[in-house]
Amino acid sequence: MIMTVTGYKSFEMGIHQDSDPRIDYVKHALKQKIVTFIEQGGQWVLTSGQLGVELWAVEVVLDLQVDYQVQVAIIPPFDHQDARWNEANQEKYQHLTEMVDYYQLLYQGDYKNPGQFKAKNKFFLDKSDVSLILVDDINPGSVKYYLDEAKRYQKANKQMLEFITPLDLDDVVRELTEDF
């Protein structure tokens, strides 16, 4: 089975530093869902490599590879998607693209038009059996476009949708802070 992971970009969550403790909570929630997926036969986790949830998911899967047979891919919609990111984020992205099991551009060349994002969403929905989406229905941010397409796609193709919601993240915070 193949899972696509997407969700908020880091800045949409108000996260601007890798040292932000909220990242640990998000990664813990991602790990819980991804481990369940792997234990149910999951073999691949796909992302487009966006800053935030997608790159955190890549880091989680790379860590899980110590104990699980799972592979991870970054398939960006176009070349140089990191061109406008700060240097630290560009270095992190380049490092992760070298660490993943598969890296391939969806479209050769730089960004051309918004249709590339729509095609990216369709590609990931076509290639995966399940989508894991970190989203708040009240304020879906840029992930709204993938979410809307995934809901339409689910009706016609029986794709599974899994969610991590703000309530799930609150549960993770409670769980992890009770341990201290």
N, C-alpha and C. Protein backbone atom coordinates (compact mmCIF):
# COMPACT_ATOMS: atom_id res chain seq x y z
N MET A 1 0.84 -1.19 0.00
CA MET A 1 0.00 0.00 0.00
C MET A 1 0.88 1.25 0.00
N ILE A 2 0.31 2.30 -0.52
CA ILE A 2 1.03 3.58 -0.66
C ILE A 2 0.21 4.68 0.00
N MET A 3 0.89 5.50 0.81
CA MET A 3 0.25 6.62 1.50
C MET A 3 0.87 7.94 1.03
N THR A 4 0.02 8.89 0.73
CA THR A 4 0.47 10.26 0.51
C THR A 4 0.23 11.03 1.80
N VAL A 5 1.23 11.82 2.21
CA VAL A 5 1.09 12.66 3.41
C VAL A 5 1.19 14.11 2.99
N THR A 6 0.24 14.90 3.46
CA THR A 6 0.27 16.34 3.22
C THR A 6 -0.37 17.05 4.40
N GLY A 7 -0.33 18.35 4.36
CA GLY A 7 -0.90 19.15 5.43
C GLY A 7 -0.36 20.56 5.35
N TYR A 8 -0.44 21.23 6.46
CA TYR A 8 -0.04 22.63 6.49
C TYR A 8 1.45 22.82 6.21
N LYS A 9 1.73 23.95 5.59
CA LYS A 9 3.12 24.41 5.51
C LYS A 9 3.46 24.96 6.89
N SER A 10 4.73 24.94 7.23
CA SER A 10 5.12 25.35 8.59
C SER A 10 4.64 26.77 8.93
N PHE A 11 4.76 27.70 7.99
CA PHE A 11 4.36 29.07 8.29
C PHE A 11 2.86 29.19 8.51
N GLU A 12 2.06 28.27 7.92
CA GLU A 12 0.61 28.30 8.13
C GLU A 12 0.26 27.90 9.56
N MET A 13 1.19 27.22 10.22
CA MET A 13 1.00 26.81 11.61
C MET A 13 1.71 27.79 12.56
N GLY A 14 2.27 28.86 12.01
CA GLY A 14 3.00 29.82 12.83
C GLY A 14 4.33 29.29 13.32
N ILE A 15 4.86 28.29 12.63
CA ILE A 15 6.14 27.70 13.00
C ILE A 15 7.20 28.22 12.05
N HIS A 16 8.20 28.89 12.62
CA HIS A 16 9.23 29.52 11.79
C HIS A 16 10.64 29.05 12.12
N GLN A 17 10.78 28.22 13.14
CA GLN A 17 12.09 27.72 13.56
C GLN A 17 12.02 26.21 13.74
N ASP A 18 13.10 25.51 13.37
CA ASP A 18 13.16 24.06 13.59
C ASP A 18 13.17 23.71 15.07
N SER A 19 13.46 24.67 15.92
CA SER A 19 13.50 24.42 17.36
C SER A 19 12.13 24.56 18.03
N ASP A 20 11.11 24.92 17.27
CA ASP A 20 9.76 25.09 17.82
C ASP A 20 9.28 23.75 18.38
N PRO A 21 8.91 23.68 19.67
CA PRO A 21 8.51 22.40 20.27
C PRO A 21 7.24 21.81 19.66
N ARG A 22 6.44 22.62 18.98
CA ARG A 22 5.21 22.08 18.36
C ARG A 22 5.53 21.08 17.26
N ILE A 23 6.71 21.19 16.67
CA ILE A 23 7.10 20.24 15.63
C ILE A 23 7.15 18.83 16.19
N ASP A 24 7.63 18.68 17.42
CA ASP A 24 7.69 17.36 18.05
C ASP A 24 6.30 16.75 18.19
N TYR A 25 5.31 17.57 18.52
CA TYR A 25 3.94 17.08 18.65
C TYR A 25 3.39 16.63 17.30
N VAL A 26 3.65 17.43 16.28
CA VAL A 26 3.19 17.08 14.93
C VAL A 26 3.86 15.78 14.49
N LYS A 27 5.17 15.68 14.70
CA LYS A 27 5.89 14.47 14.30
C LYS A 27 5.38 13.24 15.06
N HIS A 28 5.05 13.41 16.33
CA HIS A 28 4.52 12.29 17.11
C HIS A 28 3.18 11.82 16.53
N ALA A 29 2.32 12.77 16.19
CA ALA A 29 1.02 12.42 15.59
C ALA A 29 1.23 11.74 14.24
N LEU A 30 2.15 12.26 13.44
CA LEU A 30 2.45 11.62 12.15
C LEU A 30 2.97 10.21 12.36
N LYS A 31 3.87 10.05 13.31
CA LYS A 31 4.46 8.73 13.57
C LYS A 31 3.37 7.72 13.94
N GLN A 32 2.45 8.12 14.81
CA GLN A 32 1.37 7.20 15.21
C GLN A 32 0.59 6.70 13.99
N LYS A 33 0.20 7.62 13.13
CA LYS A 33 -0.59 7.25 11.94
C LYS A 33 0.24 6.43 10.95
N ILE A 34 1.49 6.81 10.75
CA ILE A 34 2.33 6.11 9.77
C ILE A 34 2.68 4.71 10.26
N VAL A 35 2.94 4.55 11.55
CA VAL A 35 3.22 3.21 12.09
C VAL A 35 2.00 2.31 11.89
N THR A 36 0.82 2.82 12.17
CA THR A 36 -0.40 2.02 11.94
C THR A 36 -0.50 1.62 10.48
N PHE A 37 -0.24 2.55 9.58
CA PHE A 37 -0.25 2.27 8.14
C PHE A 37 0.75 1.16 7.79
N ILE A 38 1.95 1.26 8.30
CA ILE A 38 2.99 0.25 8.02
C ILE A 38 2.56 -1.11 8.57
N GLU A 39 2.05 -1.12 9.77
CA GLU A 39 1.64 -2.39 10.40
C GLU A 39 0.45 -3.02 9.69
N GLN A 40 -0.26 -2.25 8.88
CA GLN A 40 -1.37 -2.78 8.08
C GLN A 40 -0.93 -3.09 6.65
N GLY A 41 0.38 -3.12 6.43
CA GLY A 41 0.91 -3.49 5.12
C GLY A 41 1.44 -2.36 4.28
N GLY A 42 1.49 -1.16 4.81
CA GLY A 42 2.00 -0.01 4.07
C GLY A 42 3.47 -0.17 3.72
N GLN A 43 3.81 0.22 2.48
CA GLN A 43 5.18 0.05 2.00
C GLN A 43 5.85 1.36 1.60
N TRP A 44 5.07 2.33 1.14
CA TRP A 44 5.63 3.59 0.64
C TRP A 44 4.87 4.77 1.25
N VAL A 45 5.62 5.84 1.54
CA VAL A 45 5.04 7.12 1.93
C VAL A 45 5.54 8.15 0.91
N LEU A 46 4.59 8.86 0.30
CA LEU A 46 4.91 9.86 -0.73
C LEU A 46 4.61 11.26 -0.22
N THR A 47 5.46 12.21 -0.60
CA THR A 47 5.19 13.63 -0.37
C THR A 47 5.73 14.42 -1.55
N SER A 48 5.30 15.68 -1.62
CA SER A 48 5.87 16.57 -2.64
C SER A 48 7.02 17.39 -2.06
N GLY A 49 7.30 17.22 -0.78
CA GLY A 49 8.44 17.88 -0.17
C GLY A 49 8.22 19.32 0.23
N GLN A 50 6.97 19.70 0.48
CA GLN A 50 6.71 21.06 0.94
C GLN A 50 7.21 21.24 2.37
N LEU A 51 7.62 22.47 2.70
CA LEU A 51 8.00 22.78 4.07
C LEU A 51 6.83 22.51 5.00
N GLY A 52 7.12 22.01 6.16
CA GLY A 52 6.07 21.76 7.14
C GLY A 52 5.75 20.28 7.23
N VAL A 53 4.48 19.96 7.27
CA VAL A 53 4.02 18.59 7.50
C VAL A 53 4.70 17.59 6.57
N GLU A 54 4.85 17.93 5.30
CA GLU A 54 5.41 16.96 4.35
C GLU A 54 6.86 16.63 4.66
N LEU A 55 7.69 17.62 4.92
CA LEU A 55 9.09 17.32 5.23
C LEU A 55 9.22 16.70 6.61
N TRP A 56 8.36 17.07 7.55
CA TRP A 56 8.39 16.40 8.86
C TRP A 56 8.02 14.93 8.71
N ALA A 57 7.07 14.63 7.82
CA ALA A 57 6.71 13.23 7.57
C ALA A 57 7.90 12.46 6.99
N VAL A 58 8.64 13.09 6.09
CA VAL A 58 9.84 12.45 5.53
C VAL A 58 10.81 12.12 6.65
N GLU A 59 11.05 13.06 7.55
CA GLU A 59 11.96 12.82 8.67
C GLU A 59 11.46 11.67 9.55
N VAL A 60 10.16 11.62 9.80
CA VAL A 60 9.58 10.54 10.60
C VAL A 60 9.82 9.19 9.94
N VAL A 61 9.55 9.10 8.64
CA VAL A 61 9.72 7.83 7.93
C VAL A 61 11.19 7.42 7.91
N LEU A 62 12.07 8.35 7.67
CA LEU A 62 13.50 8.01 7.69
C LEU A 62 13.90 7.44 9.05
N ASP A 63 13.37 8.00 10.13
CA ASP A 63 13.63 7.45 11.47
C ASP A 63 13.01 6.07 11.63
N LEU A 64 11.81 5.87 11.10
CA LEU A 64 11.13 4.58 11.23
C LEU A 64 11.82 3.46 10.44
N GLN A 65 12.61 3.82 9.44
CA GLN A 65 13.28 2.80 8.63
C GLN A 65 14.25 1.96 9.44
N VAL A 66 14.63 2.42 10.61
CA VAL A 66 15.48 1.62 11.50
C VAL A 66 14.74 0.35 11.93
N ASP A 67 13.43 0.47 12.16
CA ASP A 67 12.64 -0.65 12.69
C ASP A 67 11.62 -1.23 11.72
N TYR A 68 11.34 -0.54 10.63
CA TYR A 68 10.28 -0.97 9.71
C TYR A 68 10.79 -0.98 8.27
N GLN A 69 10.20 -1.88 7.49
CA GLN A 69 10.46 -1.92 6.05
C GLN A 69 9.48 -0.97 5.37
N VAL A 70 9.87 0.26 5.22
CA VAL A 70 9.03 1.27 4.58
C VAL A 70 9.95 2.19 3.79
N GLN A 71 9.44 2.66 2.67
CA GLN A 71 10.21 3.55 1.83
C GLN A 71 9.50 4.90 1.73
N VAL A 72 10.29 5.92 1.41
CA VAL A 72 9.74 7.27 1.36
C VAL A 72 10.24 7.97 0.10
N ALA A 73 9.34 8.76 -0.49
CA ALA A 73 9.65 9.48 -1.73
C ALA A 73 9.31 10.95 -1.59
N ILE A 74 10.13 11.77 -2.22
CA ILE A 74 9.81 13.19 -2.43
C ILE A 74 9.67 13.38 -3.93
N ILE A 75 8.47 13.83 -4.34
CA ILE A 75 8.18 14.05 -5.76
C ILE A 75 7.64 15.48 -5.90
N PRO A 76 8.55 16.45 -6.04
CA PRO A 76 8.10 17.83 -6.15
C PRO A 76 7.41 18.10 -7.49
N PRO A 77 6.49 19.07 -7.53
CA PRO A 77 5.77 19.35 -8.77
C PRO A 77 6.63 19.99 -9.85
N PHE A 78 7.75 20.60 -9.47
CA PHE A 78 8.63 21.27 -10.43
C PHE A 78 9.99 21.46 -9.78
N ASP A 79 10.96 21.83 -10.58
CA ASP A 79 12.32 22.02 -10.10
C ASP A 79 12.43 23.33 -9.30
N HIS A 80 13.33 23.35 -8.37
CA HIS A 80 13.62 24.54 -7.55
C HIS A 80 12.43 25.02 -6.73
N GLN A 81 11.60 24.10 -6.25
CA GLN A 81 10.48 24.54 -5.42
C GLN A 81 10.98 25.22 -4.14
N ASP A 82 12.23 24.98 -3.80
CA ASP A 82 12.81 25.57 -2.60
C ASP A 82 13.51 26.91 -2.86
N ALA A 83 13.41 27.44 -4.06
CA ALA A 83 14.17 28.64 -4.45
C ALA A 83 13.89 29.85 -3.56
N ARG A 84 12.69 29.97 -3.04
CA ARG A 84 12.33 31.14 -2.23
C ARG A 84 12.47 30.89 -0.73
N TRP A 85 12.93 29.71 -0.37
CA TRP A 85 13.09 29.38 1.04
C TRP A 85 14.39 29.96 1.57
N ASN A 86 14.49 30.12 2.88
CA ASN A 86 15.75 30.60 3.44
C ASN A 86 16.82 29.51 3.31
N GLU A 87 18.05 29.90 3.52
CA GLU A 87 19.17 28.99 3.28
C GLU A 87 19.10 27.73 4.14
N ALA A 88 18.72 27.87 5.40
CA ALA A 88 18.63 26.71 6.29
C ALA A 88 17.59 25.71 5.78
N ASN A 89 16.44 26.21 5.33
CA ASN A 89 15.40 25.32 4.81
C ASN A 89 15.83 24.68 3.49
N GLN A 90 16.54 25.43 2.66
CA GLN A 90 17.05 24.87 1.40
C GLN A 90 18.04 23.74 1.69
N GLU A 91 18.92 23.94 2.66
CA GLU A 91 19.89 22.90 3.01
C GLU A 91 19.20 21.66 3.55
N LYS A 92 18.20 21.87 4.40
CA LYS A 92 17.44 20.75 4.95
C LYS A 92 16.75 19.97 3.82
N TYR A 93 16.13 20.70 2.91
CA TYR A 93 15.44 20.08 1.77
C TYR A 93 16.41 19.28 0.92
N GLN A 94 17.55 19.88 0.58
CA GLN A 94 18.54 19.18 -0.24
C GLN A 94 19.03 17.92 0.47
N HIS A 95 19.26 18.01 1.77
CA HIS A 95 19.70 16.84 2.53
C HIS A 95 18.65 15.74 2.48
N LEU A 96 17.40 16.09 2.69
CA LEU A 96 16.33 15.09 2.68
C LEU A 96 16.14 14.47 1.30
N THR A 97 16.29 15.27 0.24
CA THR A 97 16.15 14.69 -1.11
C THR A 97 17.25 13.67 -1.38
N GLU A 98 18.39 13.82 -0.71
CA GLU A 98 19.47 12.84 -0.86
C GLU A 98 19.25 11.60 0.00
N MET A 99 18.48 11.72 1.06
CA MET A 99 18.27 10.61 2.00
C MET A 99 17.11 9.70 1.61
N VAL A 100 16.13 10.22 0.88
CA VAL A 100 14.93 9.43 0.57
C VAL A 100 15.25 8.30 -0.39
N ASP A 101 14.34 7.34 -0.45
CA ASP A 101 14.50 6.19 -1.33
C ASP A 101 14.23 6.53 -2.78
N TYR A 102 13.44 7.57 -3.00
CA TYR A 102 13.09 7.95 -4.37
C TYR A 102 12.88 9.45 -4.42
N TYR A 103 13.48 10.09 -5.41
CA TYR A 103 13.30 11.52 -5.64
C TYR A 103 13.19 11.71 -7.15
N GLN A 104 12.11 12.36 -7.58
CA GLN A 104 11.90 12.61 -9.00
C GLN A 104 10.97 13.80 -9.16
N LEU A 105 11.33 14.70 -10.05
CA LEU A 105 10.45 15.83 -10.35
C LEU A 105 9.22 15.34 -11.11
N LEU A 106 8.07 15.90 -10.80
CA LEU A 106 6.87 15.60 -11.56
C LEU A 106 6.93 16.28 -12.92
N TYR A 107 7.37 17.53 -12.94
CA TYR A 107 7.57 18.29 -14.18
C TYR A 107 9.00 18.80 -14.22
N GLN A 108 9.66 18.62 -15.34
CA GLN A 108 11.00 19.17 -15.51
C GLN A 108 10.89 20.68 -15.66
N GLY A 109 11.83 21.39 -15.10
CA GLY A 109 11.84 22.85 -15.21
C GLY A 109 11.20 23.52 -14.01
N ASP A 110 11.28 24.83 -14.01
CA ASP A 110 10.77 25.63 -12.90
C ASP A 110 9.25 25.77 -12.97
N TYR A 111 8.69 26.42 -11.95
CA TYR A 111 7.27 26.69 -11.87
C TYR A 111 6.81 27.45 -13.12
N LYS A 112 5.69 26.99 -13.69
CA LYS A 112 5.14 27.64 -14.88
C LYS A 112 3.74 28.21 -14.63
N ASN A 113 2.89 27.42 -13.96
CA ASN A 113 1.51 27.88 -13.75
C ASN A 113 0.84 27.07 -12.65
N PRO A 114 -0.29 27.56 -12.12
CA PRO A 114 -0.98 26.87 -11.03
C PRO A 114 -1.47 25.48 -11.41
N GLY A 115 -1.61 25.21 -12.69
CA GLY A 115 -2.04 23.88 -13.13
C GLY A 115 -1.09 22.78 -12.69
N GLN A 116 0.16 23.15 -12.44
CA GLN A 116 1.12 22.15 -11.97
C GLN A 116 0.73 21.63 -10.59
N PHE A 117 0.16 22.48 -9.76
CA PHE A 117 -0.27 22.04 -8.43
C PHE A 117 -1.49 21.12 -8.53
N LYS A 118 -2.40 21.45 -9.41
CA LYS A 118 -3.57 20.60 -9.61
C LYS A 118 -3.14 19.23 -10.15
N ALA A 119 -2.21 19.23 -11.09
CA ALA A 119 -1.68 17.97 -11.64
C ALA A 119 -0.94 17.19 -10.57
N LYS A 120 -0.24 17.90 -9.69
CA LYS A 120 0.46 17.23 -8.58
C LYS A 120 -0.55 16.52 -7.69
N ASN A 121 -1.63 17.20 -7.33
CA ASN A 121 -2.65 16.58 -6.49
C ASN A 121 -3.22 15.34 -7.14
N LYS A 122 -3.54 15.42 -8.43
CA LYS A 122 -4.07 14.26 -9.15
C LYS A 122 -3.06 13.12 -9.18
N PHE A 123 -1.81 13.42 -9.41
CA PHE A 123 -0.76 12.40 -9.44
C PHE A 123 -0.72 11.65 -8.11
N PHE A 124 -0.68 12.38 -7.00
CA PHE A 124 -0.58 11.73 -5.70
C PHE A 124 -1.84 10.92 -5.38
N LEU A 125 -3.00 11.41 -5.77
CA LEU A 125 -4.23 10.65 -5.54
C LEU A 125 -4.26 9.39 -6.40
N ASP A 126 -3.79 9.49 -7.64
CA ASP A 126 -3.75 8.32 -8.52
C ASP A 126 -2.77 7.26 -8.02
N LYS A 127 -1.68 7.68 -7.42
CA LYS A 127 -0.61 6.75 -7.04
C LYS A 127 -0.76 6.16 -5.64
N SER A 128 -1.65 6.70 -4.83
CA SER A 128 -1.72 6.23 -3.45
C SER A 128 -3.06 5.56 -3.13
N ASP A 129 -3.01 4.76 -2.08
CA ASP A 129 -4.21 4.07 -1.59
C ASP A 129 -4.88 4.84 -0.47
N VAL A 130 -4.09 5.64 0.21
CA VAL A 130 -4.59 6.40 1.36
C VAL A 130 -3.87 7.75 1.40
N SER A 131 -4.61 8.77 1.80
CA SER A 131 -4.02 10.09 2.03
C SER A 131 -4.13 10.41 3.51
N LEU A 132 -3.02 10.81 4.10
CA LEU A 132 -2.99 11.29 5.48
C LEU A 132 -2.84 12.80 5.41
N ILE A 133 -3.83 13.51 5.95
CA ILE A 133 -3.87 14.96 5.82
C ILE A 133 -3.97 15.60 7.20
N LEU A 134 -3.01 16.45 7.54
CA LEU A 134 -3.10 17.24 8.77
C LEU A 134 -3.80 18.53 8.41
N VAL A 135 -5.02 18.69 8.94
CA VAL A 135 -5.84 19.83 8.53
C VAL A 135 -6.89 20.14 9.60
N ASP A 136 -7.27 21.39 9.65
CA ASP A 136 -8.39 21.87 10.44
C ASP A 136 -9.47 22.28 9.44
N ASP A 137 -10.62 21.63 9.47
CA ASP A 137 -11.68 21.93 8.50
C ASP A 137 -12.12 23.40 8.55
N ILE A 138 -11.99 24.03 9.70
CA ILE A 138 -12.42 25.42 9.83
C ILE A 138 -11.46 26.36 9.11
N ASN A 139 -10.18 26.04 9.12
CA ASN A 139 -9.18 26.88 8.47
C ASN A 139 -8.18 25.98 7.74
N PRO A 140 -8.57 25.46 6.57
CA PRO A 140 -7.72 24.47 5.90
C PRO A 140 -6.46 25.01 5.23
N GLY A 141 -6.33 26.32 5.07
CA GLY A 141 -5.12 26.87 4.45
C GLY A 141 -4.92 26.33 3.05
N SER A 142 -3.68 26.25 2.62
CA SER A 142 -3.39 25.83 1.25
C SER A 142 -3.67 24.36 1.00
N VAL A 143 -3.78 23.56 2.07
CA VAL A 143 -4.07 22.14 1.89
C VAL A 143 -5.52 21.92 1.42
N LYS A 144 -6.32 22.98 1.47
CA LYS A 144 -7.72 22.90 1.03
C LYS A 144 -7.84 22.34 -0.39
N TYR A 145 -6.93 22.72 -1.26
CA TYR A 145 -7.01 22.27 -2.65
C TYR A 145 -6.83 20.76 -2.75
N TYR A 146 -5.88 20.22 -2.01
CA TYR A 146 -5.68 18.76 -2.01
C TYR A 146 -6.87 18.09 -1.33
N LEU A 147 -7.31 18.64 -0.21
CA LEU A 147 -8.42 18.07 0.54
C LEU A 147 -9.68 17.99 -0.31
N ASP A 148 -10.02 19.07 -0.99
CA ASP A 148 -11.22 19.08 -1.84
C ASP A 148 -11.11 18.03 -2.94
N GLU A 149 -9.96 17.97 -3.59
CA GLU A 149 -9.76 16.99 -4.66
C GLU A 149 -9.80 15.57 -4.10
N ALA A 150 -9.21 15.36 -2.92
CA ALA A 150 -9.20 14.03 -2.31
C ALA A 150 -10.61 13.57 -1.96
N LYS A 151 -11.45 14.47 -1.48
CA LYS A 151 -12.84 14.11 -1.16
C LYS A 151 -13.60 13.71 -2.42
N ARG A 152 -13.40 14.46 -3.52
CA ARG A 152 -14.04 14.09 -4.79
C ARG A 152 -13.50 12.74 -5.27
N TYR A 153 -12.21 12.59 -5.18
CA TYR A 153 -11.55 11.37 -5.65
C TYR A 153 -12.00 10.16 -4.83
N GLN A 154 -12.17 10.35 -3.54
CA GLN A 154 -12.57 9.27 -2.65
C GLN A 154 -13.91 8.67 -3.07
N LYS A 155 -14.84 9.51 -3.45
CA LYS A 155 -16.17 9.03 -3.84
C LYS A 155 -16.10 8.13 -5.07
N ALA A 156 -15.26 8.49 -6.02
CA ALA A 156 -15.18 7.74 -7.28
C ALA A 156 -14.22 6.56 -7.23
N ASN A 157 -13.22 6.63 -6.37
CA ASN A 157 -12.14 5.63 -6.41
C ASN A 157 -11.91 4.87 -5.12
N LYS A 158 -12.74 5.10 -4.13
CA LYS A 158 -12.63 4.38 -2.86
C LYS A 158 -11.27 4.54 -2.19
N GLN A 159 -10.69 5.70 -2.34
CA GLN A 159 -9.43 5.95 -1.63
C GLN A 159 -9.74 6.27 -0.17
N MET A 160 -8.88 5.79 0.73
CA MET A 160 -9.05 6.07 2.15
C MET A 160 -8.44 7.43 2.47
N LEU A 161 -9.15 8.16 3.32
CA LEU A 161 -8.63 9.44 3.82
C LEU A 161 -8.46 9.32 5.33
N GLU A 162 -7.28 9.65 5.80
CA GLU A 162 -6.98 9.69 7.23
C GLU A 162 -6.66 11.14 7.57
N PHE A 163 -7.02 11.54 8.76
CA PHE A 163 -6.80 12.93 9.16
C PHE A 163 -6.07 13.02 10.49
N ILE A 164 -5.31 14.07 10.62
CA ILE A 164 -4.81 14.52 11.91
C ILE A 164 -5.41 15.91 12.09
N THR A 165 -6.19 16.07 13.14
CA THR A 165 -6.91 17.32 13.38
C THR A 165 -6.28 18.07 14.56
N PRO A 166 -6.69 19.31 14.78
CA PRO A 166 -6.21 20.01 15.97
C PRO A 166 -6.54 19.26 17.27
N LEU A 167 -7.68 18.57 17.32
CA LEU A 167 -8.01 17.79 18.51
C LEU A 167 -7.02 16.64 18.70
N ASP A 168 -6.62 16.01 17.60
CA ASP A 168 -5.61 14.95 17.69
C ASP A 168 -4.30 15.50 18.24
N LEU A 169 -3.92 16.68 17.77
CA LEU A 169 -2.68 17.30 18.25
C LEU A 169 -2.80 17.67 19.73
N ASP A 170 -3.98 18.12 20.16
CA ASP A 170 -4.20 18.40 21.58
C ASP A 170 -4.01 17.12 22.40
N ASP A 171 -4.53 16.00 21.89
CA ASP A 171 -4.37 14.71 22.58
C ASP A 171 -2.89 14.34 22.70
N VAL A 172 -2.13 14.56 21.63
CA VAL A 172 -0.70 14.26 21.64
C VAL A 172 0.01 15.13 22.68
N VAL A 173 -0.33 16.41 22.72
CA VAL A 173 0.29 17.31 23.70
C VAL A 173 0.00 16.81 25.11
N ARG A 174 -1.26 16.47 25.39
CA ARG A 174 -1.62 15.95 26.72
C ARG A 174 -0.85 14.67 27.03
N GLU A 175 -0.82 13.76 26.07
CA GLU A 175 -0.13 12.48 26.26
C GLU A 175 1.35 12.69 26.57
N LEU A 176 1.99 13.55 25.81
CA LEU A 176 3.43 13.74 25.98
C LEU A 176 3.77 14.58 27.21
N THR A 177 2.91 15.52 27.57
CA THR A 177 3.21 16.34 28.75
C THR A 177 2.87 15.60 30.04
N GLU A 178 1.96 14.63 29.99
CA GLU A 178 1.67 13.82 31.17
C GLU A 178 2.85 12.93 31.53
N ASP A 179 3.67 12.61 30.53
CA ASP A 179 4.82 11.75 30.76
C ASP A 179 5.92 12.47 31.54
N PHE A 180 5.85 13.80 31.63
CA PHE A 180 6.91 14.55 32.32
C PHE A 180 6.60 14.71 33.78
